[in-house]
Amino acid sequence: MQRRRWAFFNGLLASSMPTSINYTLAAAHVLLNLYQLFVLPLYLLPSSPWWALTLLPVAALSNSFWSLIHESIHDLFHPSTRVNVFFGRLLSVFFGSSFRVLRISHLMHHKLNRSPVEGTELYDPSKTSRGRAALGYYFQILGGLYLLEVASSFLFLLPRTFLELLEGRFFPRDSLSKMWLKSLLNARSIREIRIDGTAILVLYFLSSLSYGENVGLLLGTIVIRAFLISFLDNIYHYQTPVDDVSYAHNLWLPHWLSLALLHFNFHGIHHRNPALPWIRLPEVFRDEAPFHNGNFFLAAMFQFSGPIPIAELRVYPAELSPGPLADR
């Protein structure tokens, strides 16, 4: 009887996945990346340097690209696990990081959301100064998050014995980095990350050869992607309560921009319902949430307020926590 219930639930979930749209979006992002990496430098730039301006909209779609990978991470791209993994790995290689790295990192984020070890802006004044906390915080939101995701894939090209030594001796006990590395130190994960990491190196090496003396354009688009991915990652969690694992802000955006982000701005709904496909998030928001927690663009700028002592975010319950972002 229980098996029938699960089969019914899985069938219902599968029927709500916009698989045709996801396929179309995946094809579009792959083609855009091929355009950026090879078509532009080999065929268009030689005719006119003005073609370089077309890299700006491609780079601007970085967060939309991440949102589609995010669907694969949660097995919401397609009802088939194999299809999810295939497209997740394919898209992640163009994104610049191994799908296994992105998936483990993101699922750990869901498990440890707003815990002291995971909160990006949180720091303990008794253990570190605000200045030191600010260095790590601003590095993370201004590009560091993406750069670490990229570097992590290449880390696994090193011998396994070195990785085990790194995990055992150099990462602090109970740190997020130690938990992350330990969860990936198995033969299957290492093999998959090494294959993906090699594919990324070959892909971007060939692209850099294609750009030749214009390789700075390729590096520039990577810098823009690093900034956009890192800067917009934590806006849904900044200054939200500590230890409320399911809490995140739902931020207002014009409908067309929300759609471009695959409704990622309804992040609180996603955290409470991580099995919901992106296309259903606005519907559930209308049913469950009384208001947006703020404006997307203002929330992004508010991050420049910097790191926050952890004690300041333990003084009110989650249901009263929208703070300065609320649009009551």
Protein backbone atom coordinates (compact mmCIF):
# COMPACT_ATOMS: atom_id res chain seq x y z
CA MET A 1 0.00 0.00 0.00
CA GLN A 2 2.80 2.40 0.95
CA ARG A 3 4.65 1.58 -2.27
CA ARG A 4 1.54 2.55 -4.24
CA ARG A 5 1.37 5.87 -2.39
CA TRP A 6 5.00 6.64 -3.19
CA ALA A 7 4.45 5.65 -6.83
CA PHE A 8 1.44 8.00 -6.98
CA PHE A 9 3.44 10.84 -5.38
CA ASN A 10 6.39 10.32 -7.73
CA GLY A 11 4.07 10.23 -10.70
CA LEU A 12 2.41 13.47 -9.59
CA LEU A 13 5.78 15.14 -9.11
CA ALA A 14 7.02 13.91 -12.48
CA SER A 15 3.93 15.24 -14.22
CA SER A 16 4.58 18.73 -12.78
CA MET A 17 8.18 18.85 -14.09
CA PRO A 18 8.43 21.04 -17.20
CA THR A 19 10.72 18.55 -18.92
CA SER A 20 10.21 19.93 -22.43
CA ILE A 21 11.06 23.44 -21.24
CA ASN A 22 14.07 22.11 -19.32
CA TYR A 23 15.36 20.33 -22.44
CA THR A 24 14.94 23.53 -24.45
CA LEU A 25 16.72 25.61 -21.82
CA ALA A 26 19.56 23.10 -21.58
CA ALA A 27 20.04 23.15 -25.36
CA ALA A 28 19.97 26.96 -25.35
CA HIS A 29 22.61 27.23 -22.62
CA VAL A 30 24.87 24.65 -24.29
CA LEU A 31 24.63 26.54 -27.59
CA LEU A 32 25.28 29.88 -25.87
CA ASN A 33 28.37 28.45 -24.20
CA LEU A 34 29.63 26.97 -27.47
CA TYR A 35 29.08 30.39 -29.03
CA GLN A 36 31.05 32.06 -26.25
CA LEU A 37 33.87 29.52 -26.22
CA PHE A 38 34.40 28.82 -29.92
CA VAL A 39 32.03 30.41 -32.46
CA LEU A 40 32.69 34.00 -31.42
CA PRO A 41 36.52 33.85 -31.31
CA LEU A 42 36.95 31.70 -34.41
CA TYR A 43 34.38 33.17 -36.80
CA LEU A 44 33.07 36.55 -35.61
CA LEU A 45 35.83 38.43 -33.78
CA PRO A 46 38.19 38.25 -36.78
CA SER A 47 35.61 40.17 -38.81
CA SER A 48 34.86 42.85 -36.19
CA PRO A 49 35.85 43.45 -32.55
CA TRP A 50 32.34 44.81 -31.90
CA TRP A 51 31.13 41.21 -31.72
CA ALA A 52 32.77 41.10 -28.28
CA LEU A 53 29.77 43.03 -26.92
CA THR A 54 27.63 39.92 -27.39
CA LEU A 55 29.52 38.36 -24.48
CA LEU A 56 27.72 40.69 -22.05
CA PRO A 57 24.24 39.10 -22.38
CA VAL A 58 25.83 35.64 -22.32
CA ALA A 59 27.60 36.45 -19.05
CA ALA A 60 24.43 38.08 -17.68
CA LEU A 61 22.64 34.74 -18.01
CA SER A 62 25.03 33.06 -15.54
CA ASN A 63 22.46 32.86 -12.74
CA SER A 64 19.80 31.52 -15.08
CA PHE A 65 22.32 28.86 -16.12
CA TRP A 66 22.97 28.01 -12.46
CA SER A 67 19.22 27.76 -11.78
CA LEU A 68 18.89 25.03 -14.41
CA ILE A 69 21.82 23.09 -12.93
CA HIS A 70 20.10 23.54 -9.58
CA GLU A 71 17.07 21.64 -10.92
CA SER A 72 19.33 18.68 -11.76
CA ILE A 73 20.88 18.83 -8.29
CA HIS A 74 17.43 18.29 -6.77
CA ASP A 75 16.46 15.63 -9.38
CA LEU A 76 13.87 18.03 -10.80
CA PHE A 77 15.21 18.41 -14.34
CA HIS A 78 13.63 15.13 -15.43
CA PRO A 79 11.86 12.19 -13.70
CA SER A 80 14.75 9.88 -14.69
CA THR A 81 17.77 9.96 -12.37
CA ARG A 82 20.07 9.09 -15.27
CA VAL A 83 18.77 11.98 -17.36
CA ASN A 84 19.17 14.34 -14.37
CA VAL A 85 22.77 13.30 -13.84
CA PHE A 86 23.65 13.39 -17.55
CA PHE A 87 22.37 16.92 -18.05
CA GLY A 88 23.67 18.02 -14.67
CA ARG A 89 27.18 16.88 -15.58
CA LEU A 90 27.01 18.28 -19.12
CA LEU A 91 25.83 21.72 -17.99
CA SER A 92 28.25 21.80 -15.05
CA VAL A 93 31.26 21.20 -17.31
CA PHE A 94 30.34 24.32 -19.31
CA PHE A 95 29.66 26.11 -16.00
CA GLY A 96 33.23 25.32 -14.95
CA SER A 97 32.82 22.90 -12.04
CA SER A 98 32.06 19.22 -11.49
CA PHE A 99 28.39 18.37 -10.97
CA ARG A 100 29.32 16.15 -8.02
CA VAL A 101 31.08 19.09 -6.33
CA LEU A 102 28.14 21.43 -6.93
CA ARG A 103 25.60 18.84 -5.81
CA ILE A 104 27.29 17.89 -2.55
CA SER A 105 27.98 21.55 -1.74
CA HIS A 106 24.37 22.57 -2.37
CA LEU A 107 22.79 19.65 -0.52
CA MET A 108 25.04 20.40 2.46
CA HIS A 109 23.78 23.97 2.28
CA HIS A 110 20.21 22.68 2.63
CA LYS A 111 21.17 20.42 5.52
CA LEU A 112 23.17 23.05 7.42
CA ASN A 113 21.40 26.24 6.33
CA ARG A 114 21.92 29.07 8.85
CA SER A 115 24.02 26.94 11.16
CA PRO A 116 27.04 28.78 12.64
CA VAL A 117 29.38 26.69 10.51
CA GLU A 118 27.54 27.50 7.26
CA GLY A 119 26.25 31.09 7.48
CA THR A 120 28.32 33.22 5.11
CA GLU A 121 28.09 36.49 7.07
CA LEU A 122 28.15 35.00 10.58
CA TYR A 123 31.13 35.40 12.89
CA ASP A 124 31.88 35.05 16.60
CA PRO A 125 33.60 38.20 17.98
CA SER A 126 35.16 36.12 20.78
CA LYS A 127 37.03 34.04 18.18
CA THR A 128 37.76 36.43 15.33
CA SER A 129 37.81 40.17 14.65
CA ARG A 130 35.29 41.88 12.41
CA GLY A 131 38.10 42.89 10.05
CA ARG A 132 39.23 39.31 9.55
CA ALA A 133 35.63 38.14 9.17
CA ALA A 134 35.07 40.90 6.59
CA LEU A 135 38.01 39.72 4.46
CA GLY A 136 36.56 36.23 4.16
CA TYR A 137 33.02 37.49 3.73
CA TYR A 138 33.70 39.98 0.93
CA PHE A 139 35.98 37.51 -0.85
CA GLN A 140 33.12 35.00 -0.81
CA ILE A 141 30.37 37.31 -2.13
CA LEU A 142 32.50 39.20 -4.69
CA GLY A 143 33.59 36.13 -6.64
CA GLY A 144 35.21 33.74 -4.21
CA LEU A 145 32.32 31.30 -4.01
CA TYR A 146 32.43 30.52 -7.73
CA LEU A 147 36.24 30.43 -7.81
CA LEU A 148 36.27 27.92 -4.95
CA GLU A 149 33.70 25.76 -6.78
CA VAL A 150 35.97 25.75 -9.85
CA ALA A 151 39.17 25.13 -7.89
CA SER A 152 37.53 22.30 -5.92
CA SER A 153 37.10 20.24 -9.08
CA PHE A 154 40.78 20.56 -9.92
CA LEU A 155 41.77 19.69 -6.35
CA PHE A 156 40.59 16.13 -7.02
CA LEU A 157 43.09 15.72 -9.83
CA LEU A 158 45.68 15.35 -7.05
CA PRO A 159 46.48 11.88 -5.61
CA ARG A 160 43.90 10.49 -3.21
CA THR A 161 46.54 10.06 -0.49
CA PHE A 162 47.16 13.81 -0.59
CA LEU A 163 43.41 14.50 -0.33
CA GLU A 164 43.13 12.20 2.68
CA LEU A 165 46.13 13.92 4.31
CA LEU A 166 44.49 17.29 3.64
CA GLU A 167 41.21 16.17 5.18
CA GLY A 168 42.84 14.55 8.21
CA ARG A 169 45.43 17.14 9.18
CA PHE A 170 44.78 20.53 7.68
CA PHE A 171 41.02 21.11 7.82
CA PRO A 172 39.69 22.17 11.24
CA ARG A 173 37.54 19.64 13.06
CA ASP A 174 33.78 20.13 12.51
CA SER A 175 34.46 22.70 9.78
CA LEU A 176 32.27 22.82 6.69
CA SER A 177 35.28 22.22 4.44
CA LYS A 178 36.22 19.06 6.36
CA MET A 179 32.67 17.67 6.16
CA TRP A 180 32.53 18.52 2.46
CA LEU A 181 35.83 16.86 1.57
CA LYS A 182 35.12 13.79 3.69
CA SER A 183 31.81 13.22 1.89
CA LEU A 184 33.64 13.17 -1.47
CA LEU A 185 36.54 10.90 -0.53
CA ASN A 186 35.18 7.76 -2.12
CA ALA A 187 36.23 6.05 -5.33
CA ARG A 188 33.07 6.84 -7.31
CA SER A 189 33.05 10.55 -6.45
CA ILE A 190 36.77 10.99 -7.10
CA ARG A 191 36.53 9.22 -10.48
CA GLU A 192 33.55 11.33 -11.58
CA ILE A 193 35.11 14.62 -10.45
CA ARG A 194 38.39 13.78 -12.20
CA ILE A 195 36.59 13.02 -15.47
CA ASP A 196 34.60 16.25 -15.26
CA GLY A 197 37.63 18.27 -14.17
CA THR A 198 39.65 16.98 -17.12
CA ALA A 199 36.80 17.81 -19.49
CA ILE A 200 36.64 21.36 -18.08
CA LEU A 201 40.40 21.85 -18.49
CA VAL A 202 40.34 20.60 -22.10
CA LEU A 203 37.25 22.67 -22.97
CA TYR A 204 38.59 25.96 -21.62
CA PHE A 205 42.15 25.32 -22.83
CA LEU A 206 40.86 24.84 -26.40
CA SER A 207 38.71 27.95 -26.00
CA SER A 208 41.70 30.01 -24.83
CA LEU A 209 43.60 28.86 -27.94
CA SER A 210 40.61 29.90 -30.06
CA TYR A 211 40.67 33.40 -28.54
CA GLY A 212 44.42 33.75 -28.98
CA GLU A 213 45.46 37.34 -28.29
CA ASN A 214 41.85 38.10 -27.32
CA VAL A 215 41.89 35.64 -24.42
CA GLY A 216 41.25 38.54 -22.05
CA LEU A 217 37.65 38.57 -23.31
CA LEU A 218 37.20 34.97 -22.17
CA LEU A 219 38.73 35.77 -18.79
CA GLY A 220 36.47 38.80 -18.50
CA THR A 221 33.31 36.75 -18.99
CA ILE A 222 34.55 34.27 -16.37
CA VAL A 223 35.13 37.15 -13.93
CA ILE A 224 31.58 38.44 -14.54
CA ARG A 225 30.18 34.94 -14.01
CA ALA A 226 32.20 34.56 -10.80
CA PHE A 227 30.84 37.85 -9.48
CA LEU A 228 27.18 37.24 -10.40
CA ILE A 229 27.10 33.68 -9.07
CA SER A 230 28.84 34.61 -5.82
CA PHE A 231 27.11 37.94 -5.19
CA LEU A 232 23.57 36.68 -5.72
CA ASP A 233 24.01 33.37 -3.89
CA ASN A 234 23.54 34.55 -0.31
CA ILE A 235 21.03 37.41 -0.68
CA TYR A 236 18.20 35.07 0.33
CA HIS A 237 19.95 34.21 3.60
CA TYR A 238 21.73 37.40 4.61
CA GLN A 239 20.69 38.52 8.13
CA THR A 240 18.21 35.67 8.58
CA PRO A 241 17.87 33.74 11.88
CA VAL A 242 20.55 31.31 12.96
CA ASP A 243 19.66 27.61 13.23
CA ASP A 244 16.43 27.81 11.20
CA VAL A 245 17.40 25.29 8.55
CA SER A 246 14.34 25.81 6.36
CA TYR A 247 14.29 29.61 6.37
CA ALA A 248 15.15 31.85 3.43
CA HIS A 249 13.79 35.09 1.99
CA ASN A 250 11.29 35.28 -0.86
CA LEU A 251 12.36 38.37 -2.79
CA TRP A 252 10.32 40.46 -5.21
CA LEU A 253 11.34 40.66 -8.87
CA PRO A 254 9.47 41.72 -12.00
CA HIS A 255 7.83 38.63 -13.46
CA TRP A 256 10.07 38.46 -16.52
CA LEU A 257 13.23 38.55 -14.39
CA SER A 258 11.81 35.98 -11.97
CA LEU A 259 11.08 33.75 -14.96
CA ALA A 260 14.61 34.26 -16.30
CA LEU A 261 15.96 33.03 -12.95
CA LEU A 262 13.55 30.06 -13.01
CA HIS A 263 11.84 31.71 -10.01
CA PHE A 264 14.93 31.29 -7.86
CA ASN A 265 13.84 34.46 -6.04
CA PHE A 266 11.11 32.40 -4.31
CA HIS A 267 13.92 30.90 -2.29
CA GLY A 268 12.03 30.55 0.97
CA ILE A 269 9.43 28.44 -0.80
CA HIS A 270 12.20 26.32 -2.28
CA HIS A 271 13.85 25.72 1.09
CA ARG A 272 10.56 24.63 2.64
CA ASN A 273 9.61 22.55 -0.41
CA PRO A 274 12.88 21.40 -2.05
CA ALA A 275 11.04 18.78 -4.15
CA LEU A 276 9.01 21.42 -6.02
CA PRO A 277 9.99 22.06 -9.66
CA TRP A 278 10.82 25.67 -10.46
CA ILE A 279 7.64 26.22 -12.44
CA ARG A 280 5.44 25.66 -9.37
CA LEU A 281 7.22 27.98 -6.94
CA PRO A 282 5.12 31.12 -7.68
CA GLU A 283 1.89 29.15 -7.26
CA VAL A 284 2.92 27.81 -3.86
CA PHE A 285 4.19 31.27 -2.84
CA ARG A 286 0.74 32.72 -3.52
CA ASP A 287 -0.83 30.00 -1.35
CA GLU A 288 1.68 29.97 1.52
CA ALA A 289 3.43 33.32 1.90
CA PRO A 290 1.70 36.50 3.11
CA PHE A 291 4.30 38.85 1.58
CA HIS A 292 7.69 39.12 -0.09
CA ASN A 293 10.51 39.59 2.40
CA GLY A 294 11.89 42.44 0.34
CA ASN A 295 13.14 43.69 -2.99
CA PHE A 296 15.73 41.53 -4.79
CA PHE A 297 17.97 44.47 -5.77
CA LEU A 298 17.84 46.12 -2.36
CA ALA A 299 18.63 42.79 -0.71
CA ALA A 300 21.66 42.41 -2.97
CA MET A 301 22.97 45.88 -2.02
CA PHE A 302 22.21 45.30 1.67
CA GLN A 303 24.92 42.59 1.69
CA PHE A 304 27.52 45.36 1.67
CA SER A 305 26.62 45.93 5.33
CA GLY A 306 29.16 43.19 5.95
CA PRO A 307 29.54 40.33 8.44
CA ILE A 308 27.26 40.12 11.48
CA PRO A 309 28.01 38.84 15.03
CA ILE A 310 26.19 35.55 15.44
CA ALA A 311 24.53 36.65 18.70
CA GLU A 312 22.61 39.39 16.87
CA LEU A 313 20.74 36.80 14.80
CA ARG A 314 19.64 34.69 17.76
CA VAL A 315 17.37 37.26 19.31
CA TYR A 316 14.15 36.72 17.39
CA PRO A 317 12.18 33.78 16.03
CA ALA A 318 12.07 32.95 12.30
CA GLU A 319 8.49 34.04 11.80
CA LEU A 320 9.37 37.59 12.88
CA SER A 321 12.66 37.89 11.04
CA PRO A 322 12.21 39.73 7.74
CA GLY A 323 13.75 42.84 9.30
CA PRO A 324 14.76 45.69 6.99
CA LEU A 325 13.86 43.68 3.88
CA ALA A 326 10.18 43.30 4.69
CA ASP A 327 7.60 44.93 2.42
CA ARG A 328 4.66 44.82 4.81
